[in-house]
PDB file of all heavy atoms in Angstrom:
ATOM      1  N   MET A   1      -7.803   3.196   4.237  1.00  0.00           N
ATOM      2  CA  MET A   1      -8.732   3.137   3.116  1.00  0.00           C
ATOM      3  C   MET A   1      -8.059   3.555   1.813  1.00  0.00           C
ATOM      4  O   MET A   1      -8.355   3.015   0.742  1.00  0.00           O
ATOM      5  CB  MET A   1      -9.953   4.026   3.376  1.00  0.00           C
ATOM      6  CG  MET A   1     -11.052   3.852   2.338  1.00  0.00           C
ATOM      7  SD  MET A   1     -12.572   4.731   2.774  1.00  0.00           S
ATOM      8  CE  MET A   1     -12.091   6.406   2.381  1.00  0.00           C
ATOM      9  N   VAL A   2      -7.141   4.501   1.904  1.00  0.00           N
ATOM     10  CA  VAL A   2      -6.390   4.920   0.714  1.00  0.00           C
ATOM     11  C   VAL A   2      -5.678   3.716   0.106  1.00  0.00           C
ATOM     12  O   VAL A   2      -5.707   3.507  -1.113  1.00  0.00           O
ATOM     13  CB  VAL A   2      -5.375   6.030   1.068  1.00  0.00           C
ATOM     14  CG1 VAL A   2      -4.500   6.354  -0.144  1.00  0.00           C
ATOM     15  CG2 VAL A   2      -6.103   7.283   1.541  1.00  0.00           C
ATOM     16  N   CYS A   3      -5.077   2.921   0.955  1.00  0.00           N
ATOM     17  CA  CYS A   3      -4.378   1.723   0.472  1.00  0.00           C
ATOM     18  C   CYS A   3      -5.363   0.715  -0.102  1.00  0.00           C
ATOM     19  O   CYS A   3      -5.126   0.144  -1.172  1.00  0.00           O
ATOM     20  CB  CYS A   3      -3.578   1.089   1.597  1.00  0.00           C
ATOM     21  SG  CYS A   3      -2.657  -0.375   1.086  1.00  0.00           S
ATOM     22  N   ALA A   4      -6.471   0.499   0.597  1.00  0.00           N
ATOM     23  CA  ALA A   4      -7.464  -0.477   0.141  1.00  0.00           C
ATOM     24  C   ALA A   4      -8.014  -0.113  -1.240  1.00  0.00           C
ATOM     25  O   ALA A   4      -8.322  -0.998  -2.051  1.00  0.00           O
ATOM     26  CB  ALA A   4      -8.608  -0.569   1.153  1.00  0.00           C
ATOM     27  N   LEU A   5      -8.126   1.180  -1.514  1.00  0.00           N
ATOM     28  CA  LEU A   5      -8.651   1.644  -2.794  1.00  0.00           C
ATOM     29  C   LEU A   5      -7.578   1.725  -3.880  1.00  0.00           C
ATOM     30  O   LEU A   5      -7.882   2.006  -5.036  1.00  0.00           O
ATOM     31  CB  LEU A   5      -9.301   3.024  -2.630  1.00  0.00           C
ATOM     32  CG  LEU A   5     -10.575   3.062  -1.781  1.00  0.00           C
ATOM     33  CD1 LEU A   5     -10.974   4.514  -1.493  1.00  0.00           C
ATOM     34  CD2 LEU A   5     -11.706   2.317  -2.482  1.00  0.00           C
ATOM     35  N   THR A   6      -6.331   1.484  -3.478  1.00  0.00           N
ATOM     36  CA  THR A   6      -5.201   1.648  -4.403  1.00  0.00           C
ATOM     37  C   THR A   6      -4.573   0.335  -4.827  1.00  0.00           C
ATOM     38  O   THR A   6      -4.184   0.169  -5.991  1.00  0.00           O
ATOM     39  CB  THR A   6      -4.112   2.533  -3.734  1.00  0.00           C
ATOM     40  OG1 THR A   6      -4.659   3.814  -3.428  1.00  0.00           O
ATOM     41  CG2 THR A   6      -2.897   2.699  -4.633  1.00  0.00           C
ATOM     42  N   GLU A   7      -4.471  -0.624  -3.903  1.00  0.00           N
ATOM     43  CA  GLU A   7      -3.583  -1.766  -4.094  1.00  0.00           C
ATOM     44  C   GLU A   7      -3.887  -2.648  -5.289  1.00  0.00           C
ATOM     45  O   GLU A   7      -2.995  -3.359  -5.769  1.00  0.00           O
ATOM     46  CB  GLU A   7      -3.542  -2.610  -2.815  1.00  0.00           C
ATOM     47  CG  GLU A   7      -4.884  -3.140  -2.364  1.00  0.00           C
ATOM     48  CD  GLU A   7      -4.783  -3.840  -1.021  1.00  0.00           C
ATOM     49  OE1 GLU A   7      -3.652  -4.145  -0.583  1.00  0.00           O
ATOM     50  OE2 GLU A   7      -5.827  -4.090  -0.399  1.00  0.00           O
ATOM     51  N   ASN A   8      -5.105  -2.608  -5.811  1.00  0.00           N
ATOM     52  CA  ASN A   8      -5.423  -3.454  -6.970  1.00  0.00           C
ATOM     53  C   ASN A   8      -5.611  -2.657  -8.263  1.00  0.00           C
ATOM     54  O   ASN A   8      -6.024  -3.221  -9.281  1.00  0.00           O
ATOM     55  CB  ASN A   8      -6.691  -4.268  -6.688  1.00  0.00           C
ATOM     56  CG  ASN A   8      -6.469  -5.296  -5.594  1.00  0.00           C
ATOM     57  OD1 ASN A   8      -5.455  -5.982  -5.571  1.00  0.00           O
ATOM     58  ND2 ASN A   8      -7.409  -5.390  -4.654  1.00  0.00           N
ATOM     59  N   LYS A   9      -5.302  -1.368  -8.217  1.00  0.00           N
ATOM     60  CA  LYS A   9      -5.442  -0.531  -9.403  1.00  0.00           C
ATOM     61  C   LYS A   9      -4.249  -0.726 -10.354  1.00  0.00           C
ATOM     62  O   LYS A   9      -3.126  -0.991  -9.925  1.00  0.00           O
ATOM     63  CB  LYS A   9      -5.557   0.948  -8.999  1.00  0.00           C
ATOM     64  CG  LYS A   9      -6.829   1.260  -8.204  1.00  0.00           C
ATOM     65  CD  LYS A   9      -8.075   1.086  -9.067  1.00  0.00           C
ATOM     66  CE  LYS A   9      -9.366   1.328  -8.297  1.00  0.00           C
ATOM     67  NZ  LYS A   9      -9.568   2.731  -7.964  1.00  0.00           N
ATOM     68  N   LYS A  10      -4.514  -0.568 -11.648  1.00  0.00           N
ATOM     69  CA  LYS A  10      -3.471  -0.787 -12.657  1.00  0.00           C
ATOM     70  C   LYS A  10      -2.265   0.117 -12.442  1.00  0.00           C
ATOM     71  O   LYS A  10      -1.120  -0.307 -12.590  1.00  0.00           O
ATOM     72  CB  LYS A  10      -4.045  -0.555 -14.052  1.00  0.00           C
ATOM     73  CG  LYS A  10      -5.022  -1.629 -14.520  1.00  0.00           C
ATOM     74  CD  LYS A  10      -5.516  -1.337 -15.924  1.00  0.00           C
ATOM     75  CE  LYS A  10      -6.505  -2.411 -16.402  1.00  0.00           C
ATOM     76  NZ  LYS A  10      -7.008  -2.122 -17.779  1.00  0.00           N
ATOM     77  N   ALA A  11      -2.529   1.380 -12.118  1.00  0.00           N
ATOM     78  CA  ALA A  11      -1.432   2.330 -11.935  1.00  0.00           C
ATOM     79  C   ALA A  11      -0.517   1.896 -10.793  1.00  0.00           C
ATOM     80  O   ALA A  11       0.711   2.031 -10.879  1.00  0.00           O
ATOM     81  CB  ALA A  11      -1.989   3.726 -11.663  1.00  0.00           C
ATOM     82  N   PHE A  12      -1.110   1.348  -9.734  1.00  0.00           N
ATOM     83  CA  PHE A  12      -0.308   0.897  -8.607  1.00  0.00           C
ATOM     84  C   PHE A  12       0.464  -0.367  -8.966  1.00  0.00           C
ATOM     85  O   PHE A  12       1.650  -0.495  -8.655  1.00  0.00           O
ATOM     86  CB  PHE A  12      -1.204   0.631  -7.398  1.00  0.00           C
ATOM     87  CG  PHE A  12      -0.457   0.130  -6.190  1.00  0.00           C
ATOM     88  CD1 PHE A  12       0.324   0.992  -5.435  1.00  0.00           C
ATOM     89  CD2 PHE A  12      -0.522  -1.212  -5.816  1.00  0.00           C
ATOM     90  CE1 PHE A  12       1.020   0.535  -4.321  1.00  0.00           C
ATOM     91  CE2 PHE A  12       0.169  -1.671  -4.708  1.00  0.00           C
ATOM     92  CZ  PHE A  12       0.939  -0.794  -3.956  1.00  0.00           C
ATOM     93  N   LEU A  13      -0.197  -1.288  -9.641  1.00  0.00           N
ATOM     94  CA  LEU A  13       0.452  -2.543 -10.013  1.00  0.00           C
ATOM     95  C   LEU A  13       1.573  -2.330 -11.025  1.00  0.00           C
ATOM     96  O   LEU A  13       2.457  -3.183 -11.167  1.00  0.00           O
ATOM     97  CB  LEU A  13      -0.587  -3.518 -10.579  1.00  0.00           C
ATOM     98  CG  LEU A  13      -1.669  -3.967  -9.577  1.00  0.00           C
ATOM     99  CD1 LEU A  13      -2.728  -4.801 -10.275  1.00  0.00           C
ATOM    100  CD2 LEU A  13      -1.052  -4.736  -8.416  1.00  0.00           C
ATOM    101  N   ALA A  14       1.539  -1.183 -11.708  1.00  0.00           N
ATOM    102  CA  ALA A  14       2.585  -0.866 -12.679  1.00  0.00           C
ATOM    103  C   ALA A  14       3.832  -0.290 -12.014  1.00  0.00           C
ATOM    104  O   ALA A  14       4.883  -0.168 -12.657  1.00  0.00           O
ATOM    105  CB  ALA A  14       2.046   0.129 -13.706  1.00  0.00           C
ATOM    106  N   LEU A  15       3.739   0.041 -10.738  1.00  0.00           N
ATOM    107  CA  LEU A  15       4.901   0.555 -10.020  1.00  0.00           C
ATOM    108  C   LEU A  15       5.926  -0.548  -9.794  1.00  0.00           C
ATOM    109  O   LEU A  15       5.615  -1.741  -9.897  1.00  0.00           O
ATOM    110  CB  LEU A  15       4.474   1.128  -8.665  1.00  0.00           C
ATOM    111  CG  LEU A  15       3.547   2.344  -8.670  1.00  0.00           C
ATOM    112  CD1 LEU A  15       3.089   2.649  -7.241  1.00  0.00           C
ATOM    113  CD2 LEU A  15       4.237   3.550  -9.266  1.00  0.00           C
ATOM    114  N   GLY A  16       7.134  -0.145  -9.445  1.00  0.00           N
ATOM    115  CA  GLY A  16       8.171  -1.119  -9.144  1.00  0.00           C
ATOM    116  C   GLY A  16       7.835  -1.904  -7.889  1.00  0.00           C
ATOM    117  O   GLY A  16       7.084  -1.428  -7.024  1.00  0.00           O
ATOM    118  N   ALA A  17       8.400  -3.094  -7.791  1.00  0.00           N
ATOM    119  CA  ALA A  17       8.108  -3.975  -6.653  1.00  0.00           C
ATOM    120  C   ALA A  17       8.481  -3.329  -5.325  1.00  0.00           C
ATOM    121  O   ALA A  17       7.775  -3.471  -4.323  1.00  0.00           O
ATOM    122  CB  ALA A  17       8.856  -5.301  -6.818  1.00  0.00           C
ATOM    123  N   GLU A  18       9.582  -2.586  -5.315  1.00  0.00           N
ATOM    124  CA  GLU A  18      10.044  -1.962  -4.076  1.00  0.00           C
ATOM    125  C   GLU A  18       9.061  -0.888  -3.599  1.00  0.00           C
ATOM    126  O   GLU A  18       8.752  -0.803  -2.407  1.00  0.00           O
ATOM    127  CB  GLU A  18      11.429  -1.351  -4.279  1.00  0.00           C
ATOM    128  CG  GLU A  18      12.054  -0.831  -2.994  1.00  0.00           C
ATOM    129  CD  GLU A  18      13.487  -0.371  -3.181  1.00  0.00           C
ATOM    130  OE1 GLU A  18      14.145  -0.835  -4.139  1.00  0.00           O
ATOM    131  OE2 GLU A  18      13.939   0.456  -2.368  1.00  0.00           O
ATOM    132  N   GLU A  19       8.566  -0.087  -4.551  1.00  0.00           N
ATOM    133  CA  GLU A  19       7.599   0.952  -4.189  1.00  0.00           C
ATOM    134  C   GLU A  19       6.299   0.342  -3.684  1.00  0.00           C
ATOM    135  O   GLU A  19       5.721   0.815  -2.692  1.00  0.00           O
ATOM    136  CB  GLU A  19       7.311   1.855  -5.388  1.00  0.00           C
ATOM    137  CG  GLU A  19       8.317   2.968  -5.590  1.00  0.00           C
ATOM    138  CD  GLU A  19       7.867   3.935  -6.661  1.00  0.00           C
ATOM    139  OE1 GLU A  19       7.464   3.469  -7.741  1.00  0.00           O
ATOM    140  OE2 GLU A  19       7.932   5.151  -6.419  1.00  0.00           O
ATOM    141  N   ARG A  20       5.845  -0.710  -4.356  1.00  0.00           N
ATOM    142  CA  ARG A  20       4.602  -1.365  -3.923  1.00  0.00           C
ATOM    143  C   ARG A  20       4.750  -1.943  -2.529  1.00  0.00           C
ATOM    144  O   ARG A  20       3.863  -1.807  -1.681  1.00  0.00           O
ATOM    145  CB  ARG A  20       4.198  -2.467  -4.918  1.00  0.00           C
ATOM    146  CG  ARG A  20       3.796  -1.975  -6.287  1.00  0.00           C
ATOM    147  CD  ARG A  20       2.983  -3.027  -7.041  1.00  0.00           C
ATOM    148  NE  ARG A  20       3.617  -4.329  -7.059  1.00  0.00           N
ATOM    149  CZ  ARG A  20       4.505  -4.730  -7.976  1.00  0.00           C
ATOM    150  NH1 ARG A  20       4.886  -3.914  -8.942  1.00  0.00           N
ATOM    151  NH2 ARG A  20       5.024  -5.944  -7.921  1.00  0.00           N
ATOM    152  N   GLU A  21       5.885  -2.572  -2.282  1.00  0.00           N
ATOM    153  CA  GLU A  21       6.116  -3.187  -0.967  1.00  0.00           C
ATOM    154  C   GLU A  21       6.191  -2.130   0.127  1.00  0.00           C
ATOM    155  O   GLU A  21       5.617  -2.304   1.206  1.00  0.00           O
ATOM    156  CB  GLU A  21       7.415  -3.995  -0.993  1.00  0.00           C
ATOM    157  CG  GLU A  21       7.688  -4.744   0.315  1.00  0.00           C
ATOM    158  CD  GLU A  21       8.958  -5.573   0.273  1.00  0.00           C
ATOM    159  OE1 GLU A  21       9.628  -5.574  -0.781  1.00  0.00           O
ATOM    160  OE2 GLU A  21       9.276  -6.196   1.290  1.00  0.00           O
ATOM    161  N   SER A  22       6.870  -1.014  -0.148  1.00  0.00           N
ATOM    162  CA  SER A  22       6.985   0.064   0.828  1.00  0.00           C
ATOM    163  C   SER A  22       5.611   0.657   1.134  1.00  0.00           C
ATOM    164  O   SER A  22       5.301   0.981   2.284  1.00  0.00           O
ATOM    165  CB  SER A  22       7.914   1.157   0.303  1.00  0.00           C
ATOM    166  OG  SER A  22       9.228   0.674   0.154  1.00  0.00           O
ATOM    167  N   PHE A  23       4.787   0.795   0.111  1.00  0.00           N
ATOM    168  CA  PHE A  23       3.439   1.336   0.263  1.00  0.00           C
ATOM    169  C   PHE A  23       2.601   0.424   1.161  1.00  0.00           C
ATOM    170  O   PHE A  23       1.941   0.885   2.098  1.00  0.00           O
ATOM    171  CB  PHE A  23       2.795   1.462  -1.121  1.00  0.00           C
ATOM    172  CG  PHE A  23       1.441   2.111  -1.122  1.00  0.00           C
ATOM    173  CD1 PHE A  23       1.311   3.485  -1.283  1.00  0.00           C
ATOM    174  CD2 PHE A  23       0.286   1.351  -0.993  1.00  0.00           C
ATOM    175  CE1 PHE A  23       0.062   4.089  -1.310  1.00  0.00           C
ATOM    176  CE2 PHE A  23      -0.970   1.948  -1.012  1.00  0.00           C
ATOM    177  CZ  PHE A  23      -1.081   3.318  -1.174  1.00  0.00           C
ATOM    178  N   LEU A  24       2.660  -0.860   0.876  1.00  0.00           N
ATOM    179  CA  LEU A  24       1.872  -1.817   1.657  1.00  0.00           C
ATOM    180  C   LEU A  24       2.396  -1.946   3.081  1.00  0.00           C
ATOM    181  O   LEU A  24       1.611  -2.111   4.022  1.00  0.00           O
ATOM    182  CB  LEU A  24       1.873  -3.186   0.952  1.00  0.00           C
ATOM    183  CG  LEU A  24       1.188  -3.214  -0.426  1.00  0.00           C
ATOM    184  CD1 LEU A  24       1.396  -4.561  -1.104  1.00  0.00           C
ATOM    185  CD2 LEU A  24      -0.296  -2.904  -0.293  1.00  0.00           C
ATOM    186  N   ASN A  25       3.709  -1.856   3.248  1.00  0.00           N
ATOM    187  CA  ASN A  25       4.288  -1.906   4.594  1.00  0.00           C
ATOM    188  C   ASN A  25       3.865  -0.687   5.416  1.00  0.00           C
ATOM    189  O   ASN A  25       3.567  -0.806   6.610  1.00  0.00           O
ATOM    190  CB  ASN A  25       5.812  -1.969   4.518  1.00  0.00           C
ATOM    191  CG  ASN A  25       6.326  -3.333   4.095  1.00  0.00           C
ATOM    192  OD1 ASN A  25       5.604  -4.317   4.168  1.00  0.00           O
ATOM    193  ND2 ASN A  25       7.568  -3.394   3.644  1.00  0.00           N
ATOM    194  N   ALA A  26       3.843   0.474   4.765  1.00  0.00           N
ATOM    195  CA  ALA A  26       3.411   1.690   5.448  1.00  0.00           C
ATOM    196  C   ALA A  26       1.965   1.546   5.912  1.00  0.00           C
ATOM    197  O   ALA A  26       1.610   1.939   7.027  1.00  0.00           O
ATOM    198  CB  ALA A  26       3.551   2.896   4.518  1.00  0.00           C
ATOM    199  N   ASN A  27       1.141   0.968   5.064  1.00  0.00           N
ATOM    200  CA  ASN A  27      -0.261   0.759   5.416  1.00  0.00           C
ATOM    201  C   ASN A  27      -0.396  -0.188   6.610  1.00  0.00           C
ATOM    202  O   ASN A  27      -1.197   0.046   7.523  1.00  0.00           O
ATOM    203  CB  ASN A  27      -1.016   0.189   4.221  1.00  0.00           C
ATOM    204  CG  ASN A  27      -2.467  -0.067   4.523  1.00  0.00           C
ATOM    205  OD1 ASN A  27      -3.218   0.848   4.826  1.00  0.00           O
ATOM    206  ND2 ASN A  27      -2.876  -1.325   4.448  1.00  0.00           N
ATOM    207  N   GLU A  28       0.403  -1.237   6.606  1.00  0.00           N
ATOM    208  CA  GLU A  28       0.358  -2.207   7.709  1.00  0.00           C
ATOM    209  C   GLU A  28       0.789  -1.565   9.025  1.00  0.00           C
ATOM    210  O   GLU A  28       0.186  -1.809  10.083  1.00  0.00           O
ATOM    211  CB  GLU A  28       1.277  -3.389   7.375  1.00  0.00           C
ATOM    212  CG  GLU A  28       1.128  -4.581   8.297  1.00  0.00           C
ATOM    213  CD  GLU A  28       1.947  -5.776   7.841  1.00  0.00           C
ATOM    214  OE1 GLU A  28       1.943  -6.064   6.623  1.00  0.00           O
ATOM    215  OE2 GLU A  28       2.583  -6.406   8.694  1.00  0.00           O
ATOM    216  N   GLU A  29       1.804  -0.719   8.956  1.00  0.00           N
ATOM    217  CA  GLU A  29       2.278  -0.038  10.156  1.00  0.00           C
ATOM    218  C   GLU A  29       1.229   0.951  10.671  1.00  0.00           C
ATOM    219  O   GLU A  29       1.016   1.075  11.888  1.00  0.00           O
ATOM    220  CB  GLU A  29       3.601   0.678   9.856  1.00  0.00           C
ATOM    221  CG  GLU A  29       4.760  -0.296   9.666  1.00  0.00           C
ATOM    222  CD  GLU A  29       5.955   0.332   8.980  1.00  0.00           C
ATOM    223  OE1 GLU A  29       5.846   1.504   8.546  1.00  0.00           O
ATOM    224  OE2 GLU A  29       7.003  -0.334   8.877  1.00  0.00           O
ATOM    225  N   ILE A  30       0.564   1.639   9.755  1.00  0.00           N
ATOM    226  CA  ILE A  30      -0.505   2.561  10.155  1.00  0.00           C
ATOM    227  C   ILE A  30      -1.619   1.798  10.866  1.00  0.00           C
ATOM    228  O   ILE A  30      -2.181   2.278  11.853  1.00  0.00           O
ATOM    229  CB  ILE A  30      -1.051   3.326   8.927  1.00  0.00           C
ATOM    230  CG1 ILE A  30      -0.026   4.370   8.463  1.00  0.00           C
ATOM    231  CG2 ILE A  30      -2.384   4.006   9.249  1.00  0.00           C
ATOM    232  CD1 ILE A  30      -0.375   5.054   7.165  1.00  0.00           C
ATOM    233  N   SER A  31      -1.926   0.604  10.378  1.00  0.00           N
ATOM    234  CA  SER A  31      -2.957  -0.222  11.026  1.00  0.00           C
ATOM    235  C   SER A  31      -2.589  -0.523  12.473  1.00  0.00           C
ATOM    236  O   SER A  31      -3.433  -0.433  13.375  1.00  0.00           O
ATOM    237  CB  SER A  31      -3.150  -1.539  10.269  1.00  0.00           C
ATOM    238  OG  SER A  31      -3.702  -1.321   8.997  1.00  0.00           O
ATOM    239  N   LYS A  32      -1.329  -0.856  12.703  1.00  0.00           N
ATOM    240  CA  LYS A  32      -0.875  -1.182  14.060  1.00  0.00           C
ATOM    241  C   LYS A  32      -0.972   0.028  14.980  1.00  0.00           C
ATOM    242  O   LYS A  32      -1.436  -0.069  16.125  1.00  0.00           O
ATOM    243  CB  LYS A  32       0.566  -1.705  14.022  1.00  0.00           C
ATOM    244  CG  LYS A  32       0.707  -3.071  13.357  1.00  0.00           C
ATOM    245  CD  LYS A  32       2.158  -3.509  13.286  1.00  0.00           C
ATOM    246  CE  LYS A  32       2.294  -4.842  12.570  1.00  0.00           C
ATOM    247  NZ  LYS A  32       3.715  -5.251  12.431  1.00  0.00           N
ATOM    248  N   PHE A  33      -0.533   1.181  14.487  1.00  0.00           N
ATOM    249  CA  PHE A  33      -0.621   2.389  15.312  1.00  0.00           C
ATOM    250  C   PHE A  33      -2.077   2.783  15.527  1.00  0.00           C
ATOM    251  O   PHE A  33      -2.452   3.249  16.607  1.00  0.00           O
ATOM    252  CB  PHE A  33       0.155   3.533  14.657  1.00  0.00           C
ATOM    253  CG  PHE A  33       1.644   3.358  14.728  1.00  0.00           C
ATOM    254  CD1 PHE A  33       2.395   3.170  13.580  1.00  0.00           C
ATOM    255  CD2 PHE A  33       2.299   3.371  15.956  1.00  0.00           C
ATOM    256  CE1 PHE A  33       3.766   2.994  13.647  1.00  0.00           C
ATOM    257  CE2 PHE A  33       3.677   3.197  16.028  1.00  0.00           C
ATOM    258  CZ  PHE A  33       4.417   3.003  14.868  1.00  0.00           C
ATOM    259  N   GLY A  34      -2.899   2.585  14.510  1.00  0.00           N
ATOM    260  CA  GLY A  34      -4.319   2.897  14.649  1.00  0.00           C
ATOM    261  C   GLY A  34      -4.995   2.054  15.716  1.00  0.00           C
ATOM    262  O   GLY A  34      -5.838   2.555  16.479  1.00  0.00           O
ATOM    263  N   GLU A  35      -4.625   0.793  15.789  1.00  0.00           N
ATOM    264  CA  GLU A  35      -5.194  -0.098  16.810  1.00  0.00           C
ATOM    265  C   GLU A  35      -4.792   0.352  18.218  1.00  0.00           C
ATOM    266  O   GLU A  35      -5.610   0.351  19.143  1.00  0.00           O
ATOM    267  CB  GLU A  35      -4.719  -1.533  16.564  1.00  0.00           C
ATOM    268  CG  GLU A  35      -5.353  -2.181  15.334  1.00  0.00           C
ATOM    269  CD  GLU A  35      -4.726  -3.527  15.005  1.00  0.00           C
ATOM    270  OE1 GLU A  35      -3.888  -3.997  15.800  1.00  0.00           O
ATOM    271  OE2 GLU A  35      -5.066  -4.095  13.952  1.00  0.00           O
TER     272      GLU A  35
END
C-alpha cells in the first residue's frame, strides 16, 4: 500500500529513474513473498 500511495506522487516522479525502478521492484518482490 505504501507503494500504491507513492508511485504517482510528484515527489516520487521527481526521483531518478534508477531509484524509482528499485522502489517498484522492491514492491513487486514484496507482493510475491506476501502471496
